[in-house]
Amino acid sequence: MSGRTPGSKAKNREATRKAILGAAVGLLSAKGPQSLTMERVAKKAGLAKGTLYLYFKDKKALLESMKEEALCPLREEMAGILAGELPPREKLEGLVTRPLEFFDENRNFLKVVLWQRQIVESFARRQQSDMYRSFVEQVATVIEEGMERKTFRRVDAAKAAVVFVEADIAIARQRLFEPSVVKPEGDAKLLLDIFFDGIMARDSGTRRQ
């Protein structure tokens, strides 16, 4: 009879999973996406290839888990911003600036992980994601709070939130695959200026309704 408890088995399984992800990250960082095969990952992790498949059914599943691990710290930071006490405008500023900084700080690794077509999701697929919908709803809540405080004018908060989130994703992706000489704060300011003030010249004589 084995002396291992369910808790110790779960810890060992998680440790093995972490070792696999670490091995995959090491291969990607050192040799690029072409180096990432299930056989090489298993060898680097010190596992039999068959054992690797008990944790990840294929390369796509492995890459998806790597993406989740990589983005987890950012998601925690974003949740902190949303749950914090900042006024609505400052919250939106943080929700734009921090992702751009995070992607710059982790560009080389994220560029490889997000390189896979199934991970760089289309707009339609993102809309079907519970995590995406939840984030958009939280941004809409921030916008609604700003309208209640009369910081923002009355708009459709749900649609405005989609515009805001999609613009941030687009800028982050562009910076990832087409490195910019502009610092993250610069692109964040551009996005925020357009979102808050539009692109109409202030002395154009045309008034937004």
Protein backbone atom coordinates (compact mmCIF):
# COMPACT_ATOMS: atom_id res chain seq x y z
CA MET A 1 0.00 0.00 0.00
CA SER A 2 1.38 3.37 -0.98
CA GLY A 3 2.08 5.89 1.78
CA ARG A 4 1.42 8.82 -0.51
CA THR A 5 -1.63 10.88 0.38
CA PRO A 6 -3.94 12.51 -2.19
CA GLY A 7 -2.45 15.85 -1.18
CA SER A 8 1.12 14.73 -1.84
CA LYS A 9 0.10 13.21 -5.17
CA ALA A 10 -1.48 16.51 -6.21
CA LYS A 11 1.68 18.39 -5.18
CA ASN A 12 3.87 15.99 -7.15
CA ARG A 13 1.64 16.29 -10.18
CA GLU A 14 1.76 20.09 -10.00
CA ALA A 15 5.54 19.99 -9.58
CA THR A 16 5.83 17.81 -12.69
CA ARG A 17 3.54 20.16 -14.61
CA LYS A 18 5.69 23.14 -13.58
CA ALA A 19 8.83 21.25 -14.64
CA ILE A 20 7.33 20.59 -18.07
CA LEU A 21 6.34 24.24 -18.54
CA GLY A 22 9.78 25.34 -17.37
CA ALA A 23 11.45 23.01 -19.85
CA ALA A 24 9.25 24.32 -22.67
CA VAL A 25 10.00 27.94 -21.74
CA GLY A 26 13.72 27.15 -21.69
CA LEU A 27 13.59 25.65 -25.16
CA LEU A 28 11.59 28.52 -26.60
CA SER A 29 13.77 31.18 -25.02
CA ALA A 30 17.02 29.53 -26.09
CA LYS A 31 16.23 28.15 -29.54
CA GLY A 32 12.93 29.57 -30.76
CA PRO A 33 9.62 27.95 -31.74
CA GLN A 34 11.17 25.44 -34.13
CA SER A 35 12.85 23.76 -31.16
CA LEU A 36 9.60 23.05 -29.37
CA THR A 37 8.69 19.42 -29.94
CA MET A 38 7.05 17.15 -27.40
CA GLU A 39 10.07 14.85 -27.51
CA ARG A 40 12.53 17.65 -26.74
CA VAL A 41 10.35 19.04 -23.96
CA ALA A 42 10.09 15.59 -22.35
CA LYS A 43 13.85 15.09 -22.55
CA LYS A 44 14.62 18.50 -21.06
CA ALA A 45 12.11 17.89 -18.25
CA GLY A 46 13.65 14.48 -17.53
CA LEU A 47 10.47 12.61 -18.37
CA ALA A 48 9.42 9.83 -20.69
CA LYS A 49 7.56 11.14 -23.73
CA GLY A 50 4.51 9.12 -22.70
CA THR A 51 4.45 10.82 -19.31
CA LEU A 52 4.42 14.23 -20.99
CA TYR A 53 1.25 13.27 -22.88
CA LEU A 54 -0.47 12.49 -19.56
CA TYR A 55 -0.19 16.21 -18.78
CA PHE A 56 -0.57 17.80 -22.20
CA LYS A 57 -2.33 16.02 -25.04
CA ASP A 58 -0.41 17.90 -27.74
CA LYS A 59 1.79 20.91 -28.49
CA LYS A 60 -1.23 23.20 -28.78
CA ALA A 61 -2.35 22.35 -25.22
CA LEU A 62 1.19 22.89 -23.95
CA LEU A 63 1.43 26.31 -25.59
CA GLU A 64 -1.97 27.31 -24.24
CA SER A 65 -0.85 26.47 -20.70
CA MET A 66 2.36 28.41 -21.24
CA LYS A 67 0.33 31.41 -22.33
CA GLU A 68 -1.89 31.19 -19.25
CA GLU A 69 1.15 30.96 -16.96
CA ALA A 70 2.82 33.90 -18.70
CA LEU A 71 -0.23 36.17 -18.52
CA CYS A 72 -1.30 35.25 -14.97
CA PRO A 73 0.75 38.04 -13.28
CA LEU A 74 -0.75 40.64 -15.62
CA ARG A 75 -4.28 39.42 -14.96
CA GLU A 76 -3.68 39.68 -11.22
CA GLU A 77 -2.42 43.26 -11.63
CA MET A 78 -5.43 44.18 -13.76
CA ALA A 79 -7.80 42.68 -11.19
CA GLY A 80 -6.08 44.78 -8.54
CA ILE A 81 -6.59 47.94 -10.57
CA LEU A 82 -10.27 47.14 -11.11
CA ALA A 83 -10.84 46.37 -7.42
CA GLY A 84 -8.91 49.40 -6.20
CA GLU A 85 -10.09 52.80 -5.05
CA LEU A 86 -8.84 54.88 -7.97
CA PRO A 87 -11.31 57.20 -9.76
CA PRO A 88 -12.71 55.82 -13.06
CA ARG A 89 -10.39 57.79 -15.36
CA GLU A 90 -7.28 56.68 -13.45
CA LYS A 91 -8.49 53.08 -13.52
CA LEU A 92 -8.80 53.19 -17.30
CA GLU A 93 -5.35 54.76 -17.54
CA GLY A 94 -3.90 51.89 -15.52
CA LEU A 95 -5.76 49.29 -17.58
CA VAL A 96 -4.12 50.67 -20.72
CA THR A 97 -0.63 51.45 -19.48
CA ARG A 98 0.16 48.32 -17.47
CA PRO A 99 -0.44 45.76 -20.27
CA LEU A 100 1.76 47.74 -22.66
CA GLU A 101 4.53 47.86 -20.05
CA PHE A 102 4.11 44.14 -19.30
CA PHE A 103 4.35 43.16 -22.96
CA ASP A 104 7.49 45.27 -23.37
CA GLU A 105 9.07 43.73 -20.27
CA ASN A 106 8.36 40.19 -21.52
CA ARG A 107 8.52 40.77 -25.28
CA ASN A 108 10.84 37.96 -26.38
CA PHE A 109 9.01 35.21 -24.53
CA LEU A 110 5.49 36.47 -25.20
CA LYS A 111 6.25 36.99 -28.88
CA VAL A 112 7.05 33.30 -29.20
CA VAL A 113 4.17 32.07 -27.05
CA LEU A 114 1.60 34.30 -28.77
CA TRP A 115 3.00 33.41 -32.19
CA GLN A 116 0.69 30.43 -32.53
CA ARG A 117 -2.44 31.22 -34.53
CA GLN A 118 -4.70 29.45 -32.05
CA ILE A 119 -3.39 31.68 -29.25
CA VAL A 120 -3.40 35.01 -31.09
CA GLU A 121 -7.18 34.83 -31.07
CA SER A 122 -9.54 36.40 -33.55
CA PHE A 123 -12.06 38.97 -32.36
CA ALA A 124 -14.89 36.44 -32.72
CA ARG A 125 -13.13 33.86 -30.57
CA ARG A 126 -12.23 36.42 -27.90
CA GLN A 127 -15.89 37.42 -27.64
CA GLN A 128 -16.76 33.82 -26.79
CA SER A 129 -14.25 33.72 -23.92
CA ASP A 130 -15.75 33.98 -20.43
CA MET A 131 -12.60 35.77 -19.23
CA TYR A 132 -12.84 38.33 -22.06
CA ARG A 133 -16.54 38.98 -21.46
CA SER A 134 -15.97 39.35 -17.73
CA PHE A 135 -13.17 41.87 -18.29
CA VAL A 136 -15.26 43.89 -20.75
CA GLU A 137 -18.13 43.93 -18.23
CA GLN A 138 -15.79 45.21 -15.51
CA VAL A 139 -14.49 47.96 -17.79
CA ALA A 140 -18.10 48.86 -18.62
CA THR A 141 -18.76 49.17 -14.88
CA VAL A 142 -15.84 51.59 -14.56
CA ILE A 143 -17.22 53.65 -17.45
CA GLU A 144 -20.69 53.66 -15.88
CA GLU A 145 -19.19 54.86 -12.60
CA GLY A 146 -17.46 57.67 -14.52
CA MET A 147 -20.78 58.65 -16.07
CA GLU A 148 -22.46 58.70 -12.66
CA ARG A 149 -19.70 60.98 -11.39
CA LYS A 150 -20.10 63.10 -14.53
CA THR A 151 -16.44 62.47 -15.41
CA PHE A 152 -17.61 60.88 -18.70
CA ARG A 153 -20.51 61.89 -20.90
CA ARG A 154 -23.40 59.48 -21.39
CA VAL A 155 -22.61 56.69 -23.86
CA ASP A 156 -23.42 53.00 -24.30
CA ALA A 157 -21.00 51.70 -21.64
CA ALA A 158 -20.95 48.13 -22.96
CA LYS A 159 -20.00 49.19 -26.48
CA ALA A 160 -17.50 51.76 -25.20
CA ALA A 161 -15.86 49.02 -23.11
CA VAL A 162 -15.43 46.80 -26.18
CA VAL A 163 -13.84 49.70 -28.09
CA PHE A 164 -11.50 50.38 -25.15
CA VAL A 165 -10.43 46.75 -24.66
CA GLU A 166 -9.98 46.00 -28.36
CA ALA A 167 -7.90 49.16 -28.88
CA ASP A 168 -5.61 48.14 -26.01
CA ILE A 169 -5.22 44.62 -27.44
CA ALA A 170 -4.42 46.02 -30.89
CA ILE A 171 -1.73 48.38 -29.59
CA ALA A 172 -0.18 45.65 -27.41
CA ARG A 173 -0.06 43.22 -30.35
CA GLN A 174 1.44 45.84 -32.66
CA ARG A 175 4.14 46.63 -30.10
CA LEU A 176 4.85 42.92 -29.65
CA PHE A 177 5.37 42.08 -33.30
CA GLU A 178 6.52 45.50 -34.55
CA PRO A 179 8.70 46.90 -31.75
CA SER A 180 8.19 50.63 -31.35
CA VAL A 181 10.69 53.31 -30.36
CA VAL A 182 7.84 54.91 -28.44
CA LYS A 183 7.75 53.98 -24.76
CA PRO A 184 4.63 52.18 -23.45
CA GLU A 185 3.52 55.35 -21.70
CA GLY A 186 3.54 57.17 -25.04
CA ASP A 187 1.28 54.67 -26.78
CA ALA A 188 -0.94 54.51 -23.70
CA LYS A 189 -1.33 58.29 -23.77
CA LEU A 190 -2.21 58.21 -27.49
CA LEU A 191 -4.88 55.57 -26.94
CA LEU A 192 -6.30 57.36 -23.91
CA ASP A 193 -6.33 60.74 -25.67
CA ILE A 194 -8.26 59.26 -28.59
CA PHE A 195 -10.65 57.40 -26.28
CA PHE A 196 -11.31 60.37 -24.01
CA ASP A 197 -11.16 63.24 -26.53
CA GLY A 198 -11.53 61.73 -30.01
CA ILE A 199 -9.45 62.85 -32.99
CA MET A 200 -11.40 65.94 -33.97
CA ALA A 201 -9.32 69.11 -33.78
CA ARG A 202 -10.52 71.17 -30.84
CA ASP A 203 -10.69 74.36 -32.91
CA SER A 204 -12.41 72.72 -35.89
CA GLY A 205 -15.77 74.22 -35.01
CA THR A 206 -17.43 70.78 -35.11
CA ARG A 207 -19.09 69.76 -31.89
CA ARG A 208 -19.51 66.14 -30.91
CA GLN A 209 -23.06 65.24 -30.00
